[in-house]
Amino acid sequence: FDERRKLIIDQANALGTINLRLDALDFADRTAIRQELIQWVEISDELSTAEGDPTKADAVITQAEAIQVHVWRMAVAAVEKKQQSPLWLFVMPPLNDWIDLSTKRLAMNNLGTPPMVLPCLIMLSLIASVLAGVHLSRYSRRSIPHWILFAGSLSLLILIIFDLNHPRAGLIRIGAVDQNMAEMEHTIHASLAADAGH
């Protein structure tokens, strides 16, 4: 869960670096690339609403990847046009980081819960239930609140473990870090407005 949040923040930072370094390119080139970056952020936002809909998620991912490929090619052409070798090391690395982080985020989303987690949780629940049952059998009076608390605690534990693996749905979400992407989108818009003002 924390790794997923970190990847989003790292990708937002990579976009921020890209946005700043684009100033080294010609006006028309950096404007076109920034427009593509904004479109990518908007499309990637749609992925948060595609939880549980594999068809929509695949379509969004395909579109986002196509934009990244297009941005890369646009940046290569823009850097070549300038005919300044240092620009390669200045402009291209953050673009590469941005694309790599997208791949890592997709891989993280596809990991799923480790296979041994569910059997271990079931076994833990059974063992705990047997131990609690043996202890309670010594008393003639049954405690309903005790039963509810015991069953509720085990259920909550299992729910939290599986909920953490679905960061876009459920009770525990990573939506708060999406604000980083939203702020980056505003920053890129501001850069476009500044370019237009010149």
Protein backbone atom coordinates (compact mmCIF):
# COMPACT_ATOMS: atom_id res chain seq x y z
CA PHE A 1 0.00 0.00 0.00
CA ASP A 2 2.80 2.41 0.95
CA GLU A 3 4.76 1.43 -2.16
CA ARG A 4 1.77 2.28 -4.35
CA ARG A 5 1.50 5.71 -2.72
CA LYS A 6 5.23 6.29 -3.15
CA LEU A 7 5.08 5.39 -6.85
CA ILE A 8 2.34 7.97 -7.47
CA ILE A 9 4.34 10.67 -5.67
CA ASP A 10 7.52 9.72 -7.55
CA GLN A 11 5.68 9.86 -10.86
CA ALA A 12 4.23 13.28 -10.04
CA ASN A 13 7.75 14.46 -9.22
CA ALA A 14 9.06 13.07 -12.51
CA LEU A 15 6.33 14.98 -14.35
CA GLY A 16 7.33 18.13 -12.49
CA THR A 17 10.95 17.68 -13.56
CA ILE A 18 9.86 17.07 -17.16
CA ASN A 19 7.72 20.19 -17.12
CA LEU A 20 10.61 22.35 -15.91
CA ARG A 21 13.18 20.94 -18.32
CA LEU A 22 10.89 21.36 -21.31
CA ASP A 23 11.73 25.07 -21.12
CA ALA A 24 15.02 24.14 -22.83
CA LEU A 25 13.10 23.21 -26.00
CA ASP A 26 11.55 25.40 -28.66
CA PHE A 27 8.23 27.04 -27.82
CA ALA A 28 6.12 24.95 -30.23
CA ASP A 29 7.71 21.68 -29.14
CA ARG A 30 7.38 22.22 -25.41
CA THR A 31 3.80 23.44 -25.79
CA ALA A 32 2.80 20.33 -27.74
CA ILE A 33 4.49 18.03 -25.23
CA ARG A 34 2.90 19.77 -22.24
CA GLN A 35 -0.53 19.38 -23.81
CA GLU A 36 0.13 15.66 -24.16
CA LEU A 37 1.25 15.48 -20.51
CA ILE A 38 -2.00 17.08 -19.39
CA GLN A 39 -3.96 14.62 -21.47
CA TRP A 40 -2.01 11.74 -19.88
CA VAL A 41 -2.81 12.99 -16.35
CA GLU A 42 -6.49 13.27 -17.22
CA ILE A 43 -6.56 9.77 -18.68
CA SER A 44 -4.64 8.27 -15.76
CA ASP A 45 -7.26 9.78 -13.42
CA GLU A 46 -9.85 7.63 -15.17
CA LEU A 47 -7.97 4.53 -14.02
CA SER A 48 -9.08 5.24 -10.46
CA THR A 49 -12.71 4.82 -11.54
CA ALA A 50 -11.98 1.64 -13.50
CA GLU A 51 -11.50 -0.56 -10.41
CA GLY A 52 -13.40 -3.79 -10.97
CA ASP A 53 -13.90 -3.11 -14.70
CA PRO A 54 -11.00 -4.84 -16.52
CA THR A 55 -12.22 -3.82 -19.98
CA LYS A 56 -12.28 -0.12 -19.10
CA ALA A 57 -8.97 -0.38 -17.24
CA ASP A 58 -7.26 -2.02 -20.23
CA ALA A 59 -8.59 0.67 -22.57
CA VAL A 60 -7.34 3.46 -20.27
CA ILE A 61 -3.93 1.82 -19.88
CA THR A 62 -3.56 1.36 -23.65
CA GLN A 63 -4.44 5.00 -24.26
CA ALA A 64 -2.04 6.22 -21.55
CA GLU A 65 0.80 4.10 -22.92
CA ALA A 66 0.17 5.43 -26.43
CA ILE A 67 0.48 8.99 -25.13
CA GLN A 68 3.76 8.17 -23.41
CA VAL A 69 5.20 6.70 -26.60
CA HIS A 70 4.05 9.77 -28.52
CA VAL A 71 5.58 12.14 -25.95
CA TRP A 72 8.88 10.25 -26.09
CA ARG A 73 9.03 10.52 -29.89
CA MET A 74 8.08 14.21 -29.78
CA ALA A 75 10.82 14.87 -27.22
CA VAL A 76 13.41 12.97 -29.28
CA ALA A 77 12.53 15.02 -32.36
CA ALA A 78 12.60 18.28 -30.39
CA VAL A 79 16.00 17.53 -28.85
CA GLU A 80 17.47 16.48 -32.20
CA LYS A 81 16.22 19.71 -33.73
CA LYS A 82 18.22 21.75 -31.22
CA GLN A 83 21.45 19.90 -32.16
CA GLN A 84 22.84 20.24 -28.64
CA SER A 85 24.17 16.97 -27.22
CA PRO A 86 23.83 17.95 -23.52
CA LEU A 87 20.06 18.30 -24.02
CA TRP A 88 19.78 14.52 -24.29
CA LEU A 89 21.00 14.11 -20.71
CA PHE A 90 18.93 17.06 -19.54
CA VAL A 91 15.51 16.37 -21.08
CA MET A 92 15.26 12.62 -21.68
CA PRO A 93 16.07 10.99 -18.27
CA PRO A 94 12.98 12.31 -16.43
CA LEU A 95 10.83 11.20 -19.37
CA ASN A 96 12.33 7.74 -19.05
CA ASP A 97 11.67 7.76 -15.28
CA TRP A 98 8.05 8.77 -15.86
CA ILE A 99 7.51 5.87 -18.26
CA ASP A 100 9.34 3.38 -16.01
CA LEU A 101 7.23 4.40 -13.02
CA SER A 102 4.06 3.77 -15.04
CA THR A 103 5.27 0.23 -15.71
CA LYS A 104 6.03 -0.27 -12.01
CA ARG A 105 2.58 1.00 -11.01
CA LEU A 106 0.90 -1.45 -13.40
CA ALA A 107 3.04 -4.31 -12.14
CA MET A 108 2.17 -3.41 -8.54
CA ASN A 109 -1.54 -3.36 -9.35
CA ASN A 110 -1.30 -6.82 -10.93
CA LEU A 111 0.51 -8.45 -8.01
CA GLY A 112 -2.58 -9.39 -6.06
CA THR A 113 -2.57 -10.86 -2.56
CA PRO A 114 0.25 -13.40 -2.01
CA PRO A 115 -1.17 -16.95 -2.48
CA MET A 116 -0.27 -18.13 1.02
CA VAL A 117 -2.05 -15.28 2.78
CA LEU A 118 -5.61 -16.63 2.50
CA PRO A 119 -4.81 -20.23 3.64
CA CYS A 120 -2.78 -18.85 6.56
CA LEU A 121 -5.61 -16.55 7.59
CA ILE A 122 -8.13 -19.40 7.42
CA MET A 123 -5.85 -21.63 9.51
CA LEU A 124 -5.23 -18.84 12.02
CA SER A 125 -8.97 -18.25 12.34
CA LEU A 126 -9.68 -21.96 12.88
CA ILE A 127 -6.93 -22.36 15.48
CA ALA A 128 -8.03 -19.24 17.34
CA SER A 129 -11.66 -20.41 17.23
CA VAL A 130 -10.77 -23.84 18.63
CA LEU A 131 -8.67 -22.34 21.42
CA ALA A 132 -11.38 -19.84 22.30
CA GLY A 133 -14.06 -22.54 22.14
CA VAL A 134 -12.14 -24.86 24.45
CA HIS A 135 -11.70 -22.06 26.94
CA LEU A 136 -15.36 -21.00 26.81
CA SER A 137 -16.59 -24.59 27.18
CA ARG A 138 -15.46 -24.49 30.79
CA TYR A 139 -18.14 -21.97 31.61
CA SER A 140 -21.84 -22.76 31.72
CA ARG A 141 -22.77 -19.17 30.95
CA ARG A 142 -22.15 -18.03 27.38
CA SER A 143 -21.01 -14.46 26.65
CA ILE A 144 -22.63 -13.19 23.46
CA PRO A 145 -20.54 -9.94 23.43
CA HIS A 146 -17.40 -12.09 23.68
CA TRP A 147 -18.44 -14.14 20.64
CA ILE A 148 -19.25 -10.99 18.65
CA LEU A 149 -15.96 -9.32 19.59
CA PHE A 150 -13.95 -12.41 18.71
CA ALA A 151 -15.63 -13.00 15.33
CA GLY A 152 -15.58 -9.28 14.56
CA SER A 153 -11.85 -8.97 15.29
CA LEU A 154 -10.95 -11.86 12.99
CA SER A 155 -13.26 -10.58 10.25
CA LEU A 156 -11.82 -7.06 10.49
CA LEU A 157 -8.26 -8.39 10.26
CA ILE A 158 -9.05 -10.35 7.08
CA LEU A 159 -10.96 -7.40 5.59
CA ILE A 160 -8.08 -4.96 6.18
CA ILE A 161 -5.48 -7.31 4.68
CA PHE A 162 -7.48 -7.73 1.48
CA ASP A 163 -8.65 -4.11 1.41
CA LEU A 164 -5.04 -2.85 1.40
CA ASN A 165 -4.52 -4.73 -1.85
CA HIS A 166 -7.32 -2.79 -3.57
CA PRO A 167 -6.23 0.84 -3.08
CA ARG A 168 -8.88 2.30 -5.39
CA ALA A 169 -11.86 0.58 -3.78
CA GLY A 170 -12.89 -0.38 -0.28
CA LEU A 171 -12.32 1.37 3.02
CA ILE A 172 -8.60 2.19 2.80
CA ARG A 173 -7.73 4.18 -0.32
CA ILE A 174 -4.76 6.03 -1.75
CA GLY A 175 -6.95 8.83 -3.08
CA ALA A 176 -5.18 11.43 -0.95
CA VAL A 177 -1.93 11.13 -2.92
CA ASP A 178 -3.84 11.67 -6.18
CA GLN A 179 -3.81 15.32 -5.12
CA ASN A 180 -0.13 15.34 -6.13
CA MET A 181 -1.12 14.53 -9.71
CA ALA A 182 -3.88 17.13 -9.64
CA GLU A 183 -1.43 19.78 -8.46
CA MET A 184 1.02 18.75 -11.16
CA GLU A 185 -1.70 19.14 -13.78
CA HIS A 186 -2.30 22.71 -12.54
CA THR A 187 1.44 23.38 -12.71
CA ILE A 188 1.65 22.21 -16.32
CA HIS A 189 -1.40 24.34 -17.18
CA ALA A 190 0.36 27.33 -15.59
CA SER A 191 3.46 26.66 -17.70
CA LEU A 192 1.32 26.56 -20.83
CA ALA A 193 -0.33 29.84 -19.83
CA ALA A 194 3.07 31.43 -19.21
CA ASP A 195 4.28 30.31 -22.63
CA ALA A 196 1.15 31.71 -24.24
CA GLY A 197 1.73 35.02 -22.44
CA HIS A 198 5.12 35.34 -24.04
